[in-house]
Amino acid sequence: MTNIHLRNAAKEDCVRLLELVNELALYEKAPQEVTVTLAEFEDAGFGAKPVWKAFVAEIDGLIVGFALYYVRFSTWKGCRMYLEDFIVTEPMRGRGIGKLLFDQLVIEAKEMGFSGMVWQVLDWNEPALNFYAKYNAAIEAGWLNASLSKDQLLNY
């Protein structure tokens, strides 16, 4: 297998990360939902007040996967890692890259002293559900996602 290199994401990676975000959105059948601009994405990760951190997996200098998280505060549990996006590009799946990235997240969560790690997974995404089952992850039922869009906020 080709050498896989894991590292922290850098600002210059953002163009490639957004390409993978769009690949993930297409896989999740919601490509129209990606509305963040490159400038917003870069600022949120590397601006004056960064809110996210990511690990990237590279093969021969090309980013083939990433895991992006931020800190979520739970009034019940305290500070937790929230895994926002986790993707390995389709041609690279099944090579252990996802495991390397996920293991790095677990290490990070432990080092940062987080009270846990949480994320969402679509109920029809069998490959992801099977992946998380290997970690004995608890998949909760009963919670529904709710949101207000930028337009809804502006028109309130």
Protein backbone atom coordinates (compact mmCIF):
# COMPACT_ATOMS: atom_id res chain seq x y z
CA MET A 1 0.00 0.00 0.00
CA THR A 2 1.13 3.52 -0.76
CA ASN A 3 2.42 5.52 2.17
CA ILE A 4 -0.40 7.42 3.94
CA HIS A 5 0.60 10.59 5.76
CA LEU A 6 -1.68 12.13 8.43
CA ARG A 7 -1.25 15.73 9.49
CA ASN A 8 -3.14 18.79 10.71
CA ALA A 9 -4.94 20.68 7.99
CA ALA A 10 -3.41 23.98 6.83
CA LYS A 11 -5.06 26.99 5.22
CA GLU A 12 -3.66 26.06 1.82
CA ASP A 13 -5.58 22.76 2.03
CA CYS A 14 -8.98 24.47 2.07
CA VAL A 15 -9.59 24.32 -1.69
CA ARG A 16 -9.08 20.54 -1.65
CA LEU A 17 -11.10 20.13 1.55
CA LEU A 18 -14.04 21.92 -0.06
CA GLU A 19 -13.76 19.60 -3.07
CA LEU A 20 -14.14 16.68 -0.66
CA VAL A 21 -16.99 18.43 1.17
CA ASN A 22 -18.79 18.64 -2.16
CA GLU A 23 -18.05 14.97 -2.88
CA LEU A 24 -19.53 14.07 0.51
CA ALA A 25 -22.61 16.23 -0.11
CA LEU A 26 -23.16 14.53 -3.46
CA TYR A 27 -22.88 11.11 -1.78
CA GLU A 28 -25.37 12.25 0.87
CA LYS A 29 -27.75 13.36 -1.90
CA ALA A 30 -27.63 17.04 -0.90
CA PRO A 31 -25.09 18.82 -3.13
CA GLN A 32 -27.21 21.99 -3.18
CA GLU A 33 -26.78 22.35 0.59
CA VAL A 34 -23.09 23.31 0.37
CA THR A 35 -23.22 27.11 0.35
CA VAL A 36 -20.09 28.03 2.32
CA THR A 37 -17.56 30.08 0.35
CA LEU A 38 -13.86 29.38 0.30
CA ALA A 39 -13.26 32.65 2.17
CA GLU A 40 -15.76 31.69 4.90
CA PHE A 41 -14.28 28.21 5.18
CA GLU A 42 -10.72 29.53 5.45
CA ASP A 43 -11.66 32.20 7.97
CA ALA A 44 -13.56 29.72 10.16
CA GLY A 45 -10.53 27.45 10.29
CA PHE A 46 -7.59 29.83 10.12
CA GLY A 47 -8.86 33.35 10.76
CA ALA A 48 -8.70 35.47 13.91
CA LYS A 49 -11.15 33.18 15.76
CA PRO A 50 -10.82 29.65 14.34
CA VAL A 51 -13.68 27.35 15.21
CA TRP A 52 -12.67 24.10 13.51
CA LYS A 53 -9.67 21.83 13.25
CA ALA A 54 -9.08 19.02 10.79
CA PHE A 55 -6.76 16.13 10.15
CA VAL A 56 -5.95 15.26 6.55
CA ALA A 57 -4.75 12.02 5.01
CA GLU A 58 -2.39 12.37 2.07
CA ILE A 59 -1.02 9.92 -0.44
CA ASP A 60 1.85 11.22 -2.56
CA GLY A 61 0.96 14.80 -1.59
CA LEU A 62 -2.73 14.52 -2.54
CA ILE A 63 -5.34 14.85 0.21
CA VAL A 64 -7.56 11.76 -0.09
CA GLY A 65 -9.50 12.17 3.14
CA PHE A 66 -10.10 14.38 6.13
CA ALA A 67 -11.86 14.59 9.46
CA LEU A 68 -13.03 18.02 10.63
CA TYR A 69 -14.22 18.70 14.16
CA TYR A 70 -15.07 21.49 16.54
CA VAL A 71 -15.69 21.72 20.28
CA ARG A 72 -19.30 21.35 21.34
CA PHE A 73 -20.40 22.15 24.85
CA SER A 74 -23.07 19.93 26.40
CA THR A 75 -24.78 21.15 29.54
CA TRP A 76 -25.11 17.49 30.47
CA LYS A 77 -21.63 16.23 29.57
CA GLY A 78 -19.26 19.20 29.22
CA CYS A 79 -16.84 19.76 26.32
CA ARG A 80 -17.15 17.18 23.57
CA MET A 81 -15.60 16.71 20.18
CA TYR A 82 -18.17 17.16 17.42
CA LEU A 83 -17.14 15.41 14.21
CA GLU A 84 -18.65 17.57 11.49
CA ASP A 85 -17.24 15.94 8.37
CA PHE A 86 -15.40 12.68 7.84
CA ILE A 87 -14.65 11.52 4.32
CA VAL A 88 -12.26 9.40 2.35
CA THR A 89 -12.60 9.98 -1.37
CA GLU A 90 -14.45 7.12 -3.04
CA PRO A 91 -11.53 5.56 -4.96
CA MET A 92 -9.46 5.37 -1.75
CA ARG A 93 -12.04 3.69 0.48
CA GLY A 94 -11.35 0.26 1.92
CA ARG A 95 -7.62 0.90 2.41
CA GLY A 96 -7.63 1.73 6.13
CA ILE A 97 -7.45 5.50 5.65
CA GLY A 98 -10.73 6.09 7.48
CA LYS A 99 -9.51 4.02 10.42
CA LEU A 100 -6.30 6.05 10.62
CA LEU A 101 -8.25 9.33 10.62
CA PHE A 102 -10.83 8.11 13.14
CA ASP A 103 -8.12 6.74 15.43
CA GLN A 104 -6.42 10.16 15.26
CA LEU A 105 -9.69 11.80 16.34
CA VAL A 106 -9.95 9.44 19.32
CA ILE A 107 -6.36 10.26 20.32
CA GLU A 108 -7.08 13.99 19.99
CA ALA A 109 -10.28 13.73 22.04
CA LYS A 110 -8.41 11.95 24.81
CA GLU A 111 -5.49 14.40 24.74
CA MET A 112 -7.85 17.39 24.85
CA GLY A 113 -9.73 15.90 27.80
CA PHE A 114 -13.09 15.92 26.02
CA SER A 115 -15.94 14.10 27.76
CA GLY A 116 -16.77 12.28 24.54
CA MET A 117 -17.08 12.45 20.79
CA VAL A 118 -20.34 12.86 18.86
CA TRP A 119 -21.38 12.98 15.22
CA GLN A 120 -24.31 12.33 12.91
CA VAL A 121 -24.72 9.53 10.40
CA LEU A 122 -27.51 9.05 7.91
CA ASP A 123 -29.68 6.05 8.68
CA TRP A 124 -29.28 4.69 5.14
CA ASN A 125 -25.48 4.98 5.07
CA GLU A 126 -24.71 1.30 5.68
CA PRO A 127 -20.94 1.57 5.04
CA ALA A 128 -20.66 4.32 7.67
CA LEU A 129 -22.90 2.50 10.13
CA ASN A 130 -20.79 -0.64 9.71
CA PHE A 131 -17.59 1.38 10.19
CA TYR A 132 -18.84 2.95 13.43
CA ALA A 133 -20.06 -0.42 14.70
CA LYS A 134 -16.41 -1.56 14.75
CA TYR A 135 -15.88 1.07 17.46
CA ASN A 136 -19.01 0.01 19.36
CA ALA A 137 -20.40 3.52 18.78
CA ALA A 138 -23.85 4.18 20.21
CA ILE A 139 -26.24 5.25 17.45
CA GLU A 140 -29.09 7.17 19.07
CA ALA A 141 -32.68 7.04 17.89
CA GLY A 142 -35.37 9.58 18.57
CA TRP A 143 -33.49 12.84 18.01
CA LEU A 144 -34.47 14.90 14.99
CA ASN A 145 -32.30 17.57 13.42
CA ALA A 146 -33.63 21.13 13.48
CA SER A 147 -32.18 24.25 11.89
CA LEU A 148 -32.76 27.78 10.66
CA SER A 149 -31.11 28.80 7.39
CA LYS A 150 -29.14 32.01 6.87
CA ASP A 151 -32.12 33.42 4.93
CA GLN A 152 -34.49 32.54 7.77
CA LEU A 153 -32.24 34.32 10.24
CA LEU A 154 -31.97 37.39 8.03
CA ASN A 155 -35.74 37.49 7.48
CA TYR A 156 -36.67 37.07 11.13
